[in-house]
Amino acid sequence: MTITYLKKATKTPETETGNAQAVVNEMLARIEAEGEEAVRHYAKALDKWDGPIVVTREEMEARAAEVPDQVREDIAFAAGEVRRFALAQKESIHEFEQKMGSGLIVGQKMIPCNVAGCYVPTGRYAHIASAYMSVATAKAAGVKTVIACSTPYRGGGIHPYVLYAMKVAGADMVLTLGGVQAIAAMAYGLFTGKPADIIVGPGNKYVAEAKRTLFGKVGIDVFAGPSEVGILADDTADPEIVAVDLVGQAEHGHESPAWLFTDSRTLAEKVMARVPELIDDLPQPARDAAGAAWRDYGEVILCDTRQELVEVSDRYASEHLEVHCRDLDWWLDNLTNYGSLFLGEETTVAFGDKASGPNHILPTKFAARYSAGLSVHKFLKPLTWQRADREASKTLSLATARISRLEGMEAHARTADVRMAKYYPGHNFDLGRPVESVE
């Protein structure tokens, strides 16, 4: 296998996570001990916000009235597409009831979480789309209470367009909080009295670390890191579009990897020459972010065959993966590791980020090898149930008692014995040899 790195990253996302864990652990410990007082302290110290934490329904309505009509239409369209896709996902999984060979009746119920916390970052950019990506998906799953949090924007409250997107998506409660303090407040039920069952949404390395640390106390969507893009391109690809799409995702931040996998050296060289020019033409702060991301994390990998390209792409497990190649169905059939797949130049990651429907909250840092992104499934619990008549209970009791005793679990076996004694008095069933004490 011949793989040539025409450009190799000098950093990985892991190299920049240094002190995040220590900072997060200290903050979470203080918030757990001091509650809302500690959250207010961090909101003021880190985000310069000492206003109300809970956004009232009246304030949401008043600020929504200030949103321009075109913005309203665009947000409503995009949120509607996300909701439509989420509902289709929900319809793809079903409750069922089935009779087993023993006569036992078993089944599955799809029950949503009761409380979901949705984090919407607002830092370098106002992440309008993240509001409806998380909130609308949770509501489509049937979550009763959705709590949304977002950072104060430039000294004010939540960005008005983000707040409107939360409203359109169906948020039940909104908190003006960002960072670790927002994640902790949702996990502990501060300001709302409703601890979250699951917390979802993208964020910086401190937000990601807070979610990782609290996992177990609450559910989370994915272990998220900086946004990633991978592009598979052959000699049919348009180098200008490939370069623009790489820069389009590098804009996310200084630590956002952008990878090109190709079997065409000519295409690779054109793209590498064009990317810096496109970055130089960006306004600030996008220019600075994309420049650092491409310099430190960008890679261009040259392979000999499309089978090698698949192997390399699957190894990287890109959060977003575009395919600019001939025979798109072949790539759809053979690629296995990615957060979301974009087939052909007619679509692009930005469509998925903003408006096309499939969720943009996706696995990073190789997690696409074993995990998918945010969907209604994250908010739904496929809970099992069973019911037996006495004949089925007899069949299961005999097998359970004997297996339990083979394992040395006498108390388990006796739960079967007691039923046989009650339902079939006087019968001499083979329930296995009782477990003897071991001194």
Protein backbone atom coordinates (compact mmCIF):
# COMPACT_ATOMS: atom_id res chain seq x y z
CA MET A 1 0.00 0.00 0.00
CA THR A 2 1.49 3.33 -1.09
CA ILE A 3 0.45 6.40 0.87
CA THR A 4 2.23 9.72 0.44
CA TYR A 5 1.68 12.70 2.72
CA LEU A 6 1.95 15.78 0.53
CA LYS A 7 1.03 17.80 3.62
CA LYS A 8 1.23 16.40 7.19
CA ALA A 9 -0.39 17.86 10.30
CA THR A 10 1.97 19.14 12.98
CA LYS A 11 -0.68 18.84 15.70
CA THR A 12 -3.62 16.64 16.65
CA PRO A 13 -6.69 17.67 18.67
CA GLU A 14 -5.29 15.70 21.62
CA THR A 15 -2.20 17.92 21.81
CA GLU A 16 -4.34 20.91 22.76
CA THR A 17 -6.45 19.40 25.53
CA GLY A 18 -3.71 19.86 28.17
CA ASN A 19 -5.24 21.68 31.11
CA ALA A 20 -8.92 21.29 30.18
CA GLN A 21 -9.51 18.37 32.52
CA ALA A 22 -8.01 20.11 35.55
CA VAL A 23 -9.95 23.32 34.92
CA VAL A 24 -13.21 21.47 34.39
CA ASN A 25 -12.80 19.28 37.48
CA GLU A 26 -12.24 22.35 39.65
CA MET A 27 -15.26 24.15 38.24
CA LEU A 28 -17.58 21.15 38.51
CA ALA A 29 -16.55 20.51 42.12
CA ARG A 30 -17.29 24.12 43.07
CA ILE A 31 -20.63 24.16 41.25
CA GLU A 32 -21.69 20.88 42.83
CA ALA A 33 -20.83 22.28 46.27
CA GLU A 34 -22.15 25.83 45.90
CA GLY A 35 -24.89 25.43 43.28
CA GLU A 36 -26.39 28.47 41.59
CA GLU A 37 -24.10 30.90 43.41
CA ALA A 38 -21.05 29.31 41.79
CA VAL A 39 -22.72 29.33 38.39
CA ARG A 40 -23.46 33.05 38.69
CA HIS A 41 -19.82 33.62 39.72
CA TYR A 42 -18.50 31.86 36.60
CA ALA A 43 -21.05 33.56 34.33
CA LYS A 44 -19.80 36.95 35.50
CA ALA A 45 -16.10 36.06 35.60
CA LEU A 46 -15.94 34.22 32.27
CA ASP A 47 -18.75 35.68 30.17
CA LYS A 48 -19.18 39.12 31.79
CA TRP A 49 -22.85 38.30 32.42
CA ASP A 50 -24.63 39.23 35.65
CA GLY A 51 -28.15 39.55 34.25
CA PRO A 52 -31.01 37.07 34.65
CA ILE A 53 -30.09 33.46 33.93
CA VAL A 54 -33.58 32.22 33.06
CA VAL A 55 -35.05 33.73 29.89
CA THR A 56 -38.76 34.30 30.43
CA ARG A 57 -41.38 33.45 27.84
CA GLU A 58 -42.28 37.16 27.66
CA GLU A 59 -38.69 38.11 26.84
CA MET A 60 -38.49 35.42 24.16
CA GLU A 61 -41.64 36.73 22.52
CA ALA A 62 -40.50 40.35 22.72
CA ARG A 63 -37.09 39.63 21.21
CA ALA A 64 -38.59 37.36 18.55
CA ALA A 65 -40.65 40.33 17.33
CA GLU A 66 -37.37 42.09 16.47
CA VAL A 67 -36.12 39.33 14.15
CA PRO A 68 -36.34 40.33 10.45
CA ASP A 69 -38.84 38.47 8.30
CA GLN A 70 -36.23 36.86 6.02
CA VAL A 71 -34.30 35.55 9.02
CA ARG A 72 -37.54 34.12 10.40
CA GLU A 73 -38.27 32.37 7.11
CA ASP A 74 -34.78 30.91 6.80
CA ILE A 75 -34.72 29.62 10.38
CA ALA A 76 -38.22 28.18 10.04
CA PHE A 77 -37.26 26.41 6.81
CA ALA A 78 -34.05 24.91 8.21
CA ALA A 79 -35.63 23.90 11.52
CA GLY A 80 -38.49 22.31 9.59
CA GLU A 81 -36.09 20.21 7.52
CA VAL A 82 -34.27 19.03 10.65
CA ARG A 83 -37.58 18.17 12.31
CA ARG A 84 -38.79 16.33 9.19
CA PHE A 85 -35.64 14.21 9.03
CA ALA A 86 -35.81 13.47 12.77
CA LEU A 87 -39.42 12.34 12.50
CA ALA A 88 -38.48 10.04 9.62
CA GLN A 89 -35.75 8.56 11.84
CA LYS A 90 -38.29 8.02 14.60
CA GLU A 91 -40.61 6.20 12.20
CA SER A 92 -37.75 3.86 11.23
CA ILE A 93 -37.77 2.24 14.69
CA HIS A 94 -40.83 0.54 16.09
CA GLU A 95 -42.39 -0.82 19.21
CA PHE A 96 -43.23 -4.51 18.92
CA GLU A 97 -44.68 -7.50 20.73
CA GLN A 98 -43.64 -11.08 19.97
CA LYS A 99 -44.28 -14.59 21.30
CA MET A 100 -41.12 -16.58 22.00
CA GLY A 101 -40.59 -20.34 21.68
CA SER A 102 -41.19 -20.77 25.42
CA GLY A 103 -44.56 -19.08 25.16
CA LEU A 104 -43.24 -15.92 26.85
CA ILE A 105 -44.58 -12.67 25.41
CA VAL A 106 -41.84 -10.06 25.01
CA GLY A 107 -41.84 -6.58 23.62
CA GLN A 108 -40.11 -3.26 23.12
CA LYS A 109 -41.38 0.21 23.96
CA MET A 110 -39.71 3.37 22.68
CA ILE A 111 -39.80 5.82 25.57
CA PRO A 112 -38.16 9.26 25.33
CA CYS A 113 -36.05 10.80 28.06
CA ASN A 114 -37.98 13.18 30.29
CA VAL A 115 -35.49 16.07 30.32
CA ALA A 116 -32.89 16.98 27.70
CA GLY A 117 -30.30 19.73 27.96
CA CYS A 118 -29.24 21.32 24.66
CA TYR A 119 -26.07 23.40 24.59
CA VAL A 120 -25.74 26.00 21.84
CA PRO A 121 -22.29 27.62 21.60
CA THR A 122 -21.89 31.30 20.83
CA GLY A 123 -18.31 32.45 20.67
CA ARG A 124 -16.54 33.39 17.47
CA TYR A 125 -19.84 32.81 15.64
CA ALA A 126 -23.53 32.77 16.56
CA HIS A 127 -24.39 29.11 16.05
CA ILE A 128 -28.02 29.54 15.03
CA ALA A 129 -28.18 26.09 13.44
CA SER A 130 -27.02 24.28 16.57
CA ALA A 131 -30.16 25.49 18.34
CA TYR A 132 -32.62 23.72 16.07
CA MET A 133 -30.31 20.77 15.39
CA SER A 134 -30.50 19.77 19.05
CA VAL A 135 -33.81 21.18 20.28
CA ALA A 136 -35.98 20.19 17.28
CA THR A 137 -34.53 16.67 17.31
CA ALA A 138 -35.25 16.25 21.02
CA LYS A 139 -38.83 17.47 20.60
CA ALA A 140 -39.33 15.18 17.58
CA ALA A 141 -38.30 12.28 19.84
CA GLY A 142 -41.02 13.28 22.29
CA VAL A 143 -38.86 14.67 25.12
CA LYS A 144 -41.19 16.37 27.60
CA THR A 145 -38.85 19.13 28.78
CA VAL A 146 -36.06 20.58 26.65
CA ILE A 147 -33.75 23.06 28.34
CA ALA A 148 -31.55 25.13 26.03
CA CYS A 149 -28.44 27.08 27.08
CA SER A 150 -26.37 29.57 25.16
CA THR A 151 -23.58 31.99 25.98
CA PRO A 152 -24.25 35.73 26.33
CA TYR A 153 -23.33 37.32 23.02
CA ARG A 154 -20.90 40.25 23.15
CA GLY A 155 -21.97 41.41 26.58
CA GLY A 156 -25.69 41.09 25.96
CA GLY A 157 -28.10 38.22 26.41
CA ILE A 158 -28.41 35.28 24.05
CA HIS A 159 -27.97 36.25 20.40
CA PRO A 160 -31.47 37.20 19.17
CA TYR A 161 -31.34 34.84 16.18
CA VAL A 162 -30.16 31.95 18.35
CA LEU A 163 -32.96 32.70 20.81
CA TYR A 164 -35.49 32.77 17.98
CA ALA A 165 -34.17 29.43 16.67
CA MET A 166 -34.62 27.94 20.16
CA LYS A 167 -38.19 29.24 20.22
CA VAL A 168 -39.06 27.89 16.76
CA ALA A 169 -37.49 24.52 17.58
CA GLY A 170 -39.64 24.21 20.70
CA ALA A 171 -37.38 24.80 23.71
CA ASP A 172 -39.36 24.68 26.95
CA MET A 173 -36.83 26.55 29.10
CA VAL A 174 -33.88 28.75 28.12
CA LEU A 175 -30.86 29.73 30.23
CA THR A 176 -28.38 32.49 29.47
CA LEU A 177 -25.29 30.45 30.30
CA GLY A 178 -22.23 29.23 28.46
CA GLY A 179 -19.31 26.91 28.96
CA VAL A 180 -18.76 24.47 31.80
CA GLN A 181 -21.22 26.33 34.03
CA ALA A 182 -24.02 25.75 31.50
CA ILE A 183 -23.31 22.01 31.29
CA ALA A 184 -23.18 21.72 35.08
CA ALA A 185 -26.38 23.76 35.56
CA MET A 186 -28.29 21.45 33.20
CA ALA A 187 -26.82 18.31 34.77
CA TYR A 188 -27.68 19.39 38.33
CA GLY A 189 -31.04 20.98 37.49
CA LEU A 190 -29.96 24.44 38.67
CA PHE A 191 -32.35 27.34 37.92
CA THR A 192 -34.92 24.90 36.52
CA GLY A 193 -35.39 22.24 39.18
CA LYS A 194 -35.15 19.66 36.38
CA PRO A 195 -31.84 17.76 36.15
CA ALA A 196 -31.16 16.68 32.57
CA ASP A 197 -31.28 13.00 31.67
CA ILE A 198 -29.09 13.71 28.62
CA ILE A 199 -27.00 16.70 27.50
CA VAL A 200 -26.25 17.30 23.83
CA GLY A 201 -24.67 19.91 21.63
CA PRO A 202 -21.24 21.02 20.39
CA GLY A 203 -18.80 23.26 22.24
CA ASN A 204 -15.16 24.01 22.92
CA LYS A 205 -12.71 21.67 24.65
CA TYR A 206 -13.93 22.73 28.10
CA VAL A 207 -17.55 21.99 27.23
CA ALA A 208 -16.52 18.64 25.74
CA GLU A 209 -14.50 17.79 28.85
CA ALA A 210 -17.40 18.77 31.14
CA LYS A 211 -19.72 16.44 29.23
CA ARG A 212 -17.14 13.65 29.36
CA THR A 213 -16.65 14.09 33.10
CA LEU A 214 -20.39 14.14 33.84
CA PHE A 215 -21.13 11.15 31.61
CA GLY A 216 -22.75 8.52 33.77
CA LYS A 217 -24.48 11.10 35.93
CA VAL A 218 -26.15 12.16 32.69
CA GLY A 219 -26.18 10.77 29.17
CA ILE A 220 -24.40 12.65 26.40
CA ASP A 221 -24.57 12.62 22.62
CA VAL A 222 -20.93 12.15 21.58
CA PHE A 223 -17.44 12.82 22.87
CA ALA A 224 -17.01 15.84 20.66
CA GLY A 225 -13.90 17.70 19.62
CA PRO A 226 -13.09 20.36 17.02
CA SER A 227 -15.03 20.10 13.77
CA GLU A 228 -13.41 17.93 11.06
CA VAL A 229 -13.76 17.58 7.31
CA GLY A 230 -12.38 14.91 5.02
CA ILE A 231 -12.70 15.09 1.22
CA LEU A 232 -12.19 12.13 -1.12
CA ALA A 233 -11.40 13.38 -4.61
CA ASP A 234 -10.26 11.78 -7.86
CA ASP A 235 -9.19 13.32 -11.17
CA THR A 236 -12.80 14.23 -12.01
CA ALA A 237 -13.07 16.61 -9.04
CA ASP A 238 -13.09 20.38 -9.41
CA PRO A 239 -10.04 21.61 -7.45
CA GLU A 240 -11.65 24.99 -6.80
CA ILE A 241 -14.72 23.45 -5.15
CA VAL A 242 -12.56 21.02 -3.15
CA ALA A 243 -10.36 23.87 -1.89
CA VAL A 244 -13.35 26.06 -1.01
CA ASP A 245 -14.98 23.21 0.91
CA LEU A 246 -11.80 22.52 2.90
CA VAL A 247 -11.57 26.17 3.88
CA GLY A 248 -15.28 26.27 4.62
CA GLN A 249 -14.79 23.83 7.49
CA ALA A 250 -11.37 25.07 8.62
CA GLU A 251 -13.21 28.31 9.41
CA HIS A 252 -14.73 26.59 12.47
CA GLY A 253 -11.64 27.14 14.58
CA HIS A 254 -7.90 27.04 15.09
CA GLU A 255 -7.96 23.31 15.89
CA SER A 256 -10.28 22.09 13.10
CA PRO A 257 -8.64 19.41 10.92
CA ALA A 258 -9.18 19.50 7.14
CA TRP A 259 -8.05 16.43 5.20
CA LEU A 260 -7.83 15.72 1.48
CA PHE A 261 -7.56 12.08 0.36
CA THR A 262 -6.88 11.72 -3.35
CA ASP A 263 -5.32 9.54 -6.03
CA SER A 264 -4.55 12.55 -8.24
CA ARG A 265 -1.29 14.40 -7.59
CA THR A 266 -2.34 17.10 -10.07
CA LEU A 267 -5.53 17.79 -8.14
CA ALA A 268 -3.68 17.74 -4.82
CA GLU A 269 -1.13 20.31 -5.96
CA LYS A 270 -3.82 22.63 -7.30
CA VAL A 271 -5.76 22.41 -4.05
CA MET A 272 -2.69 23.02 -1.88
CA ALA A 273 -1.83 26.09 -3.93
CA ARG A 274 -5.38 27.45 -3.79
CA VAL A 275 -6.26 26.93 -0.10
CA PRO A 276 -3.90 29.62 1.29
CA GLU A 277 -5.22 32.12 -1.27
CA LEU A 278 -8.80 31.43 -0.23
CA ILE A 279 -7.89 31.79 3.44
CA ASP A 280 -6.15 35.12 2.82
CA ASP A 281 -9.34 36.40 1.21
CA LEU A 282 -11.50 35.69 4.30
CA PRO A 283 -12.57 38.39 6.75
CA GLN A 284 -11.43 38.21 10.35
CA PRO A 285 -11.77 36.25 12.59
CA ALA A 286 -12.40 33.49 10.02
CA ARG A 287 -9.06 34.18 8.32
CA ASP A 288 -7.11 33.65 11.51
CA ALA A 289 -9.05 30.51 12.47
CA ALA A 290 -8.86 28.85 9.05
CA GLY A 291 -5.20 29.81 8.63
CA ALA A 292 -4.16 28.19 11.89
CA ALA A 293 -6.32 25.13 11.25
CA TRP A 294 -4.85 24.51 7.80
CA ARG A 295 -1.29 25.24 8.92
CA ASP A 296 -1.36 22.99 12.00
CA TYR A 297 -3.99 20.34 11.23
CA GLY A 298 -4.43 20.23 7.46
CA GLU A 299 -3.31 17.11 5.60
CA VAL A 300 -3.15 16.02 1.97
CA ILE A 301 -2.72 12.28 1.43
CA LEU A 302 -1.99 10.71 -1.95
CA CYS A 303 -2.96 7.08 -2.59
CA ASP A 304 -2.66 4.76 -5.61
CA THR A 305 -6.13 3.19 -5.70
CA ARG A 306 -9.65 3.88 -4.53
CA GLN A 307 -9.44 0.84 -2.23
CA GLU A 308 -6.49 2.50 -0.51
CA LEU A 309 -8.47 5.74 -0.29
CA VAL A 310 -11.30 3.91 1.46
CA GLU A 311 -8.86 2.34 3.91
CA VAL A 312 -7.24 5.67 4.75
CA SER A 313 -10.56 7.49 4.99
CA ASP A 314 -11.99 4.84 7.30
CA ARG A 315 -8.89 5.12 9.49
CA TYR A 316 -9.44 8.86 9.89
CA ALA A 317 -13.21 8.42 10.47
CA SER A 318 -13.96 12.02 9.53
CA GLU A 319 -16.82 13.85 11.20
CA HIS A 320 -17.88 15.15 7.77
CA LEU A 321 -16.84 13.28 4.63
CA GLU A 322 -17.34 14.60 1.11
CA VAL A 323 -16.89 12.40 -1.97
CA HIS A 324 -15.91 14.15 -5.22
CA CYS A 325 -15.35 11.05 -7.34
CA ARG A 326 -16.86 9.05 -10.16
CA ASP A 327 -19.16 6.12 -9.31
CA LEU A 328 -20.67 7.58 -6.13
CA ASP A 329 -22.67 4.43 -5.36
CA TRP A 330 -19.43 2.47 -5.04
CA TRP A 331 -18.20 4.84 -2.35
CA LEU A 332 -21.55 4.70 -0.56
CA ASP A 333 -21.32 0.89 -0.51
CA ASN A 334 -17.68 0.71 0.65
CA LEU A 335 -17.08 3.54 3.12
CA THR A 336 -17.85 2.60 6.73
CA ASN A 337 -16.43 5.24 9.10
CA TYR A 338 -17.77 8.79 8.96
CA GLY A 339 -20.13 11.03 10.90
CA SER A 340 -22.12 12.15 7.87
CA LEU A 341 -21.51 11.51 4.16
CA PHE A 342 -21.88 14.05 1.34
CA LEU A 343 -21.92 12.42 -2.09
CA GLY A 344 -21.00 14.51 -5.13
CA GLU A 345 -20.06 18.15 -5.55
CA GLU A 346 -23.71 19.21 -5.68
CA THR A 347 -23.88 18.88 -1.90
CA THR A 348 -21.47 20.19 0.72
CA VAL A 349 -20.87 20.03 4.46
CA ALA A 350 -22.26 23.55 4.87
CA PHE A 351 -25.67 22.28 3.68
CA GLY A 352 -25.59 19.72 6.47
CA ASP A 353 -24.34 22.30 8.94
CA LYS A 354 -27.23 24.65 8.31
CA ALA A 355 -30.31 23.43 6.51
CA SER A 356 -30.47 20.05 4.73
CA GLY A 357 -32.02 17.97 7.53
CA PRO A 358 -29.56 15.33 8.82
CA ASN A 359 -28.07 16.45 12.11
CA HIS A 360 -24.77 18.33 12.25
CA ILE A 361 -23.87 17.25 15.81
CA LEU A 362 -21.51 14.42 14.87
CA PRO A 363 -18.68 12.26 16.28
CA THR A 364 -15.09 13.52 16.05
CA LYS A 365 -11.66 12.29 17.14
CA PHE A 366 -12.14 8.88 15.43
CA ALA A 367 -15.41 8.19 17.31
CA ALA A 368 -17.21 7.58 14.00
CA ARG A 369 -15.56 4.14 14.09
CA TYR A 370 -18.15 3.11 16.72
CA SER A 371 -20.69 5.91 17.08
CA ALA A 372 -23.17 7.90 15.05
CA GLY A 373 -24.16 11.52 15.48
CA LEU A 374 -27.13 13.08 17.20
CA SER A 375 -30.50 11.64 16.22
CA VAL A 376 -33.89 10.94 17.77
CA HIS A 377 -32.39 7.60 18.84
CA LYS A 378 -30.19 9.42 21.38
CA PHE A 379 -33.30 10.67 23.17
CA LEU A 380 -35.25 7.41 22.96
CA LYS A 381 -34.83 4.38 25.23
CA PRO A 382 -35.73 1.04 23.58
CA LEU A 383 -37.08 -0.52 26.79
CA THR A 384 -37.97 -4.20 26.89
CA TRP A 385 -40.85 -5.91 28.71
CA GLN A 386 -42.07 -9.48 29.17
CA ARG A 387 -45.16 -11.36 30.32
CA ALA A 388 -45.60 -15.11 30.87
CA ASP A 389 -48.48 -17.49 31.46
CA ARG A 390 -47.86 -20.45 33.77
CA GLU A 391 -46.89 -22.84 31.00
CA ALA A 392 -44.23 -20.40 29.75
CA SER A 393 -43.11 -19.82 33.35
CA LYS A 394 -42.59 -23.57 33.73
CA THR A 395 -40.43 -23.83 30.59
CA LEU A 396 -38.31 -20.86 31.63
CA SER A 397 -38.08 -21.94 35.29
CA LEU A 398 -36.60 -25.31 34.42
CA ALA A 399 -33.90 -23.85 32.18
CA THR A 400 -33.20 -20.93 34.53
CA ALA A 401 -32.86 -23.09 37.65
CA ARG A 402 -30.50 -25.55 36.02
CA ILE A 403 -28.31 -22.89 34.37
CA SER A 404 -28.19 -20.81 37.57
CA ARG A 405 -26.99 -23.81 39.57
CA LEU A 406 -24.36 -24.62 36.98
CA GLU A 407 -23.10 -21.07 37.49
CA GLY A 408 -23.19 -21.45 41.27
CA MET A 409 -26.01 -18.92 41.75
CA GLU A 410 -28.36 -20.69 44.13
CA ALA A 411 -30.52 -17.66 44.96
CA HIS A 412 -31.26 -17.17 41.27
CA ALA A 413 -32.29 -20.81 40.98
CA ARG A 414 -34.64 -20.55 43.94
CA THR A 415 -36.67 -17.80 42.26
CA ALA A 416 -37.56 -20.48 39.70
CA ASP A 417 -38.07 -23.18 42.36
CA VAL A 418 -40.66 -21.16 44.26
CA ARG A 419 -42.78 -20.71 41.16
CA MET A 420 -42.69 -24.40 40.30
CA ALA A 421 -43.68 -25.26 43.87
CA LYS A 422 -46.63 -22.86 43.72
CA TYR A 423 -47.88 -23.56 40.20
CA TYR A 424 -47.22 -27.34 40.08
CA PRO A 425 -47.38 -28.68 43.66
CA GLY A 426 -46.31 -32.29 44.05
CA HIS A 427 -44.43 -32.45 40.74
CA ASN A 428 -40.83 -33.59 40.73
CA PHE A 429 -39.07 -31.42 38.14
CA ASP A 430 -35.36 -31.56 37.36
CA LEU A 431 -34.28 -28.18 38.71
CA GLY A 432 -30.58 -28.97 38.87
CA ARG A 433 -28.30 -29.94 41.73
CA PRO A 434 -28.41 -27.38 44.57
CA VAL A 435 -25.22 -25.39 45.04
CA GLU A 436 -23.16 -26.57 48.03
CA SER A 437 -21.51 -24.13 50.42
CA VAL A 438 -17.81 -23.52 50.02
CA GLU A 439 -16.05 -22.63 53.28
